Amino acid sequence: MSLEVNDRQYRRGVSMIELVIAAIVMGIMAAVAAPRFAEALQYHRIEMAAKRLVADLESVRSLAYTTGTSQTIRFHDKLGKYQIVGVVDPDRPLDPNYTVDLTDTPYHCTFASVSFSDLTYNGHGLPNSGGKIVIESGGLQRAISVNATSGRASY
């Protein structure tokens, strides 16, 4: 009797059935979590892109006001890019225009619609027109509005 008890005390590990059950449970959990993870990823991508665009619009507006000169931001809606004209890109110093590609990492977004191709702020920080920019990622969209009177951007 004592020999059987000692064998059981020293036998450690898991059986094949326990491994299979654990693998099945983990597979079910992964199958449930994957769609939610994809949705959360799209949500964060579009939020980051909208915040970046609003920050860049406000930056152009502020630059126009502080320098007292006109500043332009140009939208290439078919390419998913926009440029701040005349501002050097710190990542590409040879490029005379600061360019943001929303289709690239980490955003993976596109423009659904853009009210204007060029938005120019005068030396007082006021835009030549107001409008709306709609960006999308997957099934999600965010609309960024530029106020025609104040030039403020918001989403």
C-alpha atoms as a PDB file:
ATOM      1  CA  MET A   1       0.000   0.000   0.000  1.00  0.00           C
ATOM      2  CA  SER A   2       2.652   2.473   0.928  1.00  0.00           C
ATOM      3  CA  LEU A   3       4.371   1.951  -2.413  1.00  0.00           C
ATOM      4  CA  GLU A   4       1.244   3.056  -4.338  1.00  0.00           C
ATOM      5  CA  VAL A   5       0.902   6.209  -2.220  1.00  0.00           C
ATOM      6  CA  ASN A   6       4.525   7.120  -2.844  1.00  0.00           C
ATOM      7  CA  ASP A   7       4.102   6.598  -6.616  1.00  0.00           C
ATOM      8  CA  ARG A   8       1.139   8.951  -6.651  1.00  0.00           C
ATOM      9  CA  GLN A   9       2.982  11.587  -4.643  1.00  0.00           C
ATOM     10  CA  TYR A  10       5.877  11.719  -7.102  1.00  0.00           C
ATOM     11  CA  ARG A  11       3.827  11.496 -10.285  1.00  0.00           C
ATOM     12  CA  ARG A  12       3.391  15.047 -11.498  1.00  0.00           C
ATOM     13  CA  GLY A  13       2.143  16.563 -14.735  1.00  0.00           C
ATOM     14  CA  VAL A  14      -1.061  16.584 -16.700  1.00  0.00           C
ATOM     15  CA  SER A  15      -2.780  13.996 -18.800  1.00  0.00           C
ATOM     16  CA  MET A  16      -3.456  14.300 -22.519  1.00  0.00           C
ATOM     17  CA  ILE A  17      -7.175  14.778 -21.837  1.00  0.00           C
ATOM     18  CA  GLU A  18      -6.470  17.740 -19.566  1.00  0.00           C
ATOM     19  CA  LEU A  19      -4.250  19.319 -22.240  1.00  0.00           C
ATOM     20  CA  VAL A  20      -6.923  18.883 -24.906  1.00  0.00           C
ATOM     21  CA  ILE A  21      -9.619  20.389 -22.677  1.00  0.00           C
ATOM     22  CA  ALA A  22      -7.378  23.370 -21.863  1.00  0.00           C
ATOM     23  CA  ALA A  23      -6.629  23.903 -25.568  1.00  0.00           C
ATOM     24  CA  ILE A  24     -10.343  23.778 -26.446  1.00  0.00           C
ATOM     25  CA  VAL A  25     -11.200  26.312 -23.728  1.00  0.00           C
ATOM     26  CA  MET A  26      -8.440  28.673 -24.911  1.00  0.00           C
ATOM     27  CA  GLY A  27      -9.621  28.301 -28.518  1.00  0.00           C
ATOM     28  CA  ILE A  28     -13.175  29.222 -27.572  1.00  0.00           C
ATOM     29  CA  MET A  29     -11.957  32.232 -25.607  1.00  0.00           C
ATOM     30  CA  ALA A  30      -9.800  33.394 -28.541  1.00  0.00           C
ATOM     31  CA  ALA A  31     -12.711  33.001 -30.971  1.00  0.00           C
ATOM     32  CA  VAL A  32     -14.908  35.171 -28.749  1.00  0.00           C
ATOM     33  CA  ALA A  33     -12.222  37.831 -28.146  1.00  0.00           C
ATOM     34  CA  ALA A  34     -10.920  38.237 -31.725  1.00  0.00           C
ATOM     35  CA  PRO A  35     -13.867  40.223 -33.186  1.00  0.00           C
ATOM     36  CA  ARG A  36     -13.973  42.507 -30.168  1.00  0.00           C
ATOM     37  CA  PHE A  37     -10.239  43.088 -30.427  1.00  0.00           C
ATOM     38  CA  ALA A  38     -10.591  44.023 -34.113  1.00  0.00           C
ATOM     39  CA  GLU A  39     -13.402  46.472 -33.303  1.00  0.00           C
ATOM     40  CA  ALA A  40     -11.388  48.055 -30.503  1.00  0.00           C
ATOM     41  CA  LEU A  41      -8.377  48.375 -32.782  1.00  0.00           C
ATOM     42  CA  GLN A  42     -10.425  50.153 -35.475  1.00  0.00           C
ATOM     43  CA  TYR A  43     -11.952  52.455 -32.861  1.00  0.00           C
ATOM     44  CA  HIS A  44      -8.541  53.478 -31.511  1.00  0.00           C
ATOM     45  CA  ARG A  45      -7.105  53.944 -34.995  1.00  0.00           C
ATOM     46  CA  ILE A  46      -9.855  56.311 -36.075  1.00  0.00           C
ATOM     47  CA  GLU A  47      -9.718  58.200 -32.770  1.00  0.00           C
ATOM     48  CA  MET A  48      -5.953  58.683 -33.141  1.00  0.00           C
ATOM     49  CA  ALA A  49      -6.355  59.842 -36.746  1.00  0.00           C
ATOM     50  CA  ALA A  50      -9.111  62.316 -35.818  1.00  0.00           C
ATOM     51  CA  LYS A  51      -7.078  63.716 -32.930  1.00  0.00           C
ATOM     52  CA  ARG A  52      -4.000  64.023 -35.148  1.00  0.00           C
ATOM     53  CA  LEU A  53      -5.933  65.854 -37.852  1.00  0.00           C
ATOM     54  CA  VAL A  54      -7.553  68.255 -35.369  1.00  0.00           C
ATOM     55  CA  ALA A  55      -4.164  68.925 -33.752  1.00  0.00           C
ATOM     56  CA  ASP A  56      -2.578  69.616 -37.149  1.00  0.00           C
ATOM     57  CA  LEU A  57      -5.412  71.936 -38.170  1.00  0.00           C
ATOM     58  CA  GLU A  58      -5.056  73.837 -34.900  1.00  0.00           C
ATOM     59  CA  SER A  59      -1.284  73.935 -35.371  1.00  0.00           C
ATOM     60  CA  VAL A  60      -1.636  75.475 -38.841  1.00  0.00           C
ATOM     61  CA  ARG A  61      -4.148  77.961 -37.495  1.00  0.00           C
ATOM     62  CA  SER A  62      -1.824  78.904 -34.634  1.00  0.00           C
ATOM     63  CA  LEU A  63       1.187  79.181 -36.953  1.00  0.00           C
ATOM     64  CA  ALA A  64      -0.736  81.532 -39.242  1.00  0.00           C
ATOM     65  CA  TYR A  65      -1.759  83.687 -36.287  1.00  0.00           C
ATOM     66  CA  THR A  66       1.678  83.831 -34.627  1.00  0.00           C
ATOM     67  CA  THR A  67       3.618  84.520 -37.849  1.00  0.00           C
ATOM     68  CA  GLY A  68       0.990  86.829 -39.340  1.00  0.00           C
ATOM     69  CA  THR A  69       1.231  85.011 -42.678  1.00  0.00           C
ATOM     70  CA  SER A  70      -1.118  82.740 -44.571  1.00  0.00           C
ATOM     71  CA  GLN A  71      -0.699  79.023 -43.986  1.00  0.00           C
ATOM     72  CA  THR A  72      -2.223  76.285 -46.124  1.00  0.00           C
ATOM     73  CA  ILE A  73      -3.102  72.684 -45.495  1.00  0.00           C
ATOM     74  CA  ARG A  74      -3.716  70.648 -48.654  1.00  0.00           C
ATOM     75  CA  PHE A  75      -5.843  67.498 -48.718  1.00  0.00           C
ATOM     76  CA  HIS A  76      -5.317  64.636 -51.167  1.00  0.00           C
ATOM     77  CA  ASP A  77      -8.490  62.744 -50.348  1.00  0.00           C
ATOM     78  CA  LYS A  78      -8.003  59.959 -52.926  1.00  0.00           C
ATOM     79  CA  LEU A  79      -4.541  59.190 -51.490  1.00  0.00           C
ATOM     80  CA  GLY A  80      -5.539  59.539 -47.839  1.00  0.00           C
ATOM     81  CA  LYS A  81      -2.874  62.205 -47.270  1.00  0.00           C
ATOM     82  CA  TYR A  82      -2.660  65.835 -46.297  1.00  0.00           C
ATOM     83  CA  GLN A  83       0.199  68.324 -46.415  1.00  0.00           C
ATOM     84  CA  ILE A  84       1.028  71.426 -44.465  1.00  0.00           C
ATOM     85  CA  VAL A  85       2.487  73.593 -47.202  1.00  0.00           C
ATOM     86  CA  GLY A  86       5.784  75.293 -46.451  1.00  0.00           C
ATOM     87  CA  VAL A  87       6.396  73.507 -43.148  1.00  0.00           C
ATOM     88  CA  VAL A  88       9.396  71.170 -43.174  1.00  0.00           C
ATOM     89  CA  ASP A  89       8.700  67.586 -42.189  1.00  0.00           C
ATOM     90  CA  PRO A  90      10.965  66.707 -39.228  1.00  0.00           C
ATOM     91  CA  ASP A  91      11.106  63.051 -40.350  1.00  0.00           C
ATOM     92  CA  ARG A  92      12.016  63.996 -43.923  1.00  0.00           C
ATOM     93  CA  PRO A  93      14.014  67.260 -43.836  1.00  0.00           C
ATOM     94  CA  LEU A  94      14.372  67.369 -47.636  1.00  0.00           C
ATOM     95  CA  ASP A  95      10.588  67.465 -48.064  1.00  0.00           C
ATOM     96  CA  PRO A  96       9.429  71.112 -48.051  1.00  0.00           C
ATOM     97  CA  ASN A  97       5.896  70.111 -47.035  1.00  0.00           C
ATOM     98  CA  TYR A  98       4.937  68.321 -43.846  1.00  0.00           C
ATOM     99  CA  THR A  99       2.992  65.267 -45.057  1.00  0.00           C
ATOM    100  CA  VAL A 100       0.742  62.931 -43.071  1.00  0.00           C
ATOM    101  CA  ASP A 101      -0.401  59.672 -44.636  1.00  0.00           C
ATOM    102  CA  LEU A 102      -3.498  58.428 -42.813  1.00  0.00           C
ATOM    103  CA  THR A 103      -3.482  55.161 -44.767  1.00  0.00           C
ATOM    104  CA  ASP A 104      -0.140  54.218 -43.202  1.00  0.00           C
ATOM    105  CA  THR A 105       0.662  52.817 -39.761  1.00  0.00           C
ATOM    106  CA  PRO A 106      -0.703  53.413 -37.116  1.00  0.00           C
ATOM    107  CA  TYR A 107      -3.900  54.938 -38.520  1.00  0.00           C
ATOM    108  CA  HIS A 108      -4.968  52.803 -41.515  1.00  0.00           C
ATOM    109  CA  CYS A 109      -7.744  55.316 -42.304  1.00  0.00           C
ATOM    110  CA  THR A 110      -9.035  56.955 -45.465  1.00  0.00           C
ATOM    111  CA  PHE A 111     -10.956  60.121 -46.258  1.00  0.00           C
ATOM    112  CA  ALA A 112     -14.634  59.423 -46.846  1.00  0.00           C
ATOM    113  CA  SER A 113     -15.187  63.059 -47.859  1.00  0.00           C
ATOM    114  CA  VAL A 114     -13.413  66.412 -47.699  1.00  0.00           C
ATOM    115  CA  SER A 115     -15.230  69.732 -48.213  1.00  0.00           C
ATOM    116  CA  PHE A 116     -12.144  71.483 -49.600  1.00  0.00           C
ATOM    117  CA  SER A 117      -8.897  70.575 -51.296  1.00  0.00           C
ATOM    118  CA  ASP A 118      -6.956  73.485 -49.756  1.00  0.00           C
ATOM    119  CA  LEU A 119      -7.704  75.165 -46.459  1.00  0.00           C
ATOM    120  CA  THR A 120      -5.861  78.439 -45.986  1.00  0.00           C
ATOM    121  CA  TYR A 121      -5.688  80.360 -42.735  1.00  0.00           C
ATOM    122  CA  ASN A 122      -4.918  84.065 -43.094  1.00  0.00           C
ATOM    123  CA  GLY A 123      -2.519  86.017 -40.869  1.00  0.00           C
ATOM    124  CA  HIS A 124      -5.269  86.378 -38.256  1.00  0.00           C
ATOM    125  CA  GLY A 125      -5.814  82.622 -38.030  1.00  0.00           C
ATOM    126  CA  LEU A 126      -9.128  82.731 -39.875  1.00  0.00           C
ATOM    127  CA  PRO A 127      -9.901  80.167 -42.587  1.00  0.00           C
ATOM    128  CA  ASN A 128     -10.837  80.944 -46.178  1.00  0.00           C
ATOM    129  CA  SER A 129     -13.842  78.624 -45.671  1.00  0.00           C
ATOM    130  CA  GLY A 130     -15.358  76.242 -43.215  1.00  0.00           C
ATOM    131  CA  GLY A 131     -16.192  72.658 -43.896  1.00  0.00           C
ATOM    132  CA  LYS A 132     -16.140  69.056 -42.873  1.00  0.00           C
ATOM    133  CA  ILE A 133     -13.642  66.231 -43.241  1.00  0.00           C
ATOM    134  CA  VAL A 134     -14.897  62.681 -42.743  1.00  0.00           C
ATOM    135  CA  ILE A 135     -12.372  59.920 -42.098  1.00  0.00           C
ATOM    136  CA  GLU A 136     -13.139  56.233 -41.906  1.00  0.00           C
ATOM    137  CA  SER A 137     -11.572  52.985 -40.785  1.00  0.00           C
ATOM    138  CA  GLY A 138     -13.468  49.776 -41.338  1.00  0.00           C
ATOM    139  CA  GLY A 139     -17.079  50.585 -40.574  1.00  0.00           C
ATOM    140  CA  LEU A 140     -16.335  53.544 -38.299  1.00  0.00           C
ATOM    141  CA  GLN A 141     -16.343  57.216 -39.303  1.00  0.00           C
ATOM    142  CA  ARG A 142     -15.389  60.468 -37.599  1.00  0.00           C
ATOM    143  CA  ALA A 143     -16.322  63.925 -38.848  1.00  0.00           C
ATOM    144  CA  ILE A 144     -13.959  66.824 -38.211  1.00  0.00           C
ATOM    145  CA  SER A 145     -15.518  70.256 -38.580  1.00  0.00           C
ATOM    146  CA  VAL A 146     -13.720  73.506 -39.294  1.00  0.00           C
ATOM    147  CA  ASN A 147     -15.696  76.533 -38.116  1.00  0.00           C
ATOM    148  CA  ALA A 148     -15.873  79.140 -40.895  1.00  0.00           C
ATOM    149  CA  THR A 149     -15.950  82.061 -38.443  1.00  0.00           C
ATOM    150  CA  SER A 150     -13.321  81.153 -35.878  1.00  0.00           C
ATOM    151  CA  GLY A 151     -11.292  78.530 -37.723  1.00  0.00           C
ATOM    152  CA  ARG A 152     -11.435  76.128 -34.803  1.00  0.00           C
ATOM    153  CA  ALA A 153     -11.371  72.430 -35.630  1.00  0.00           C
ATOM    154  CA  SER A 154     -13.291  69.839 -33.640  1.00  0.00           C
ATOM    155  CA  TYR A 155     -14.677  66.328 -33.948  1.00  0.00           C
END
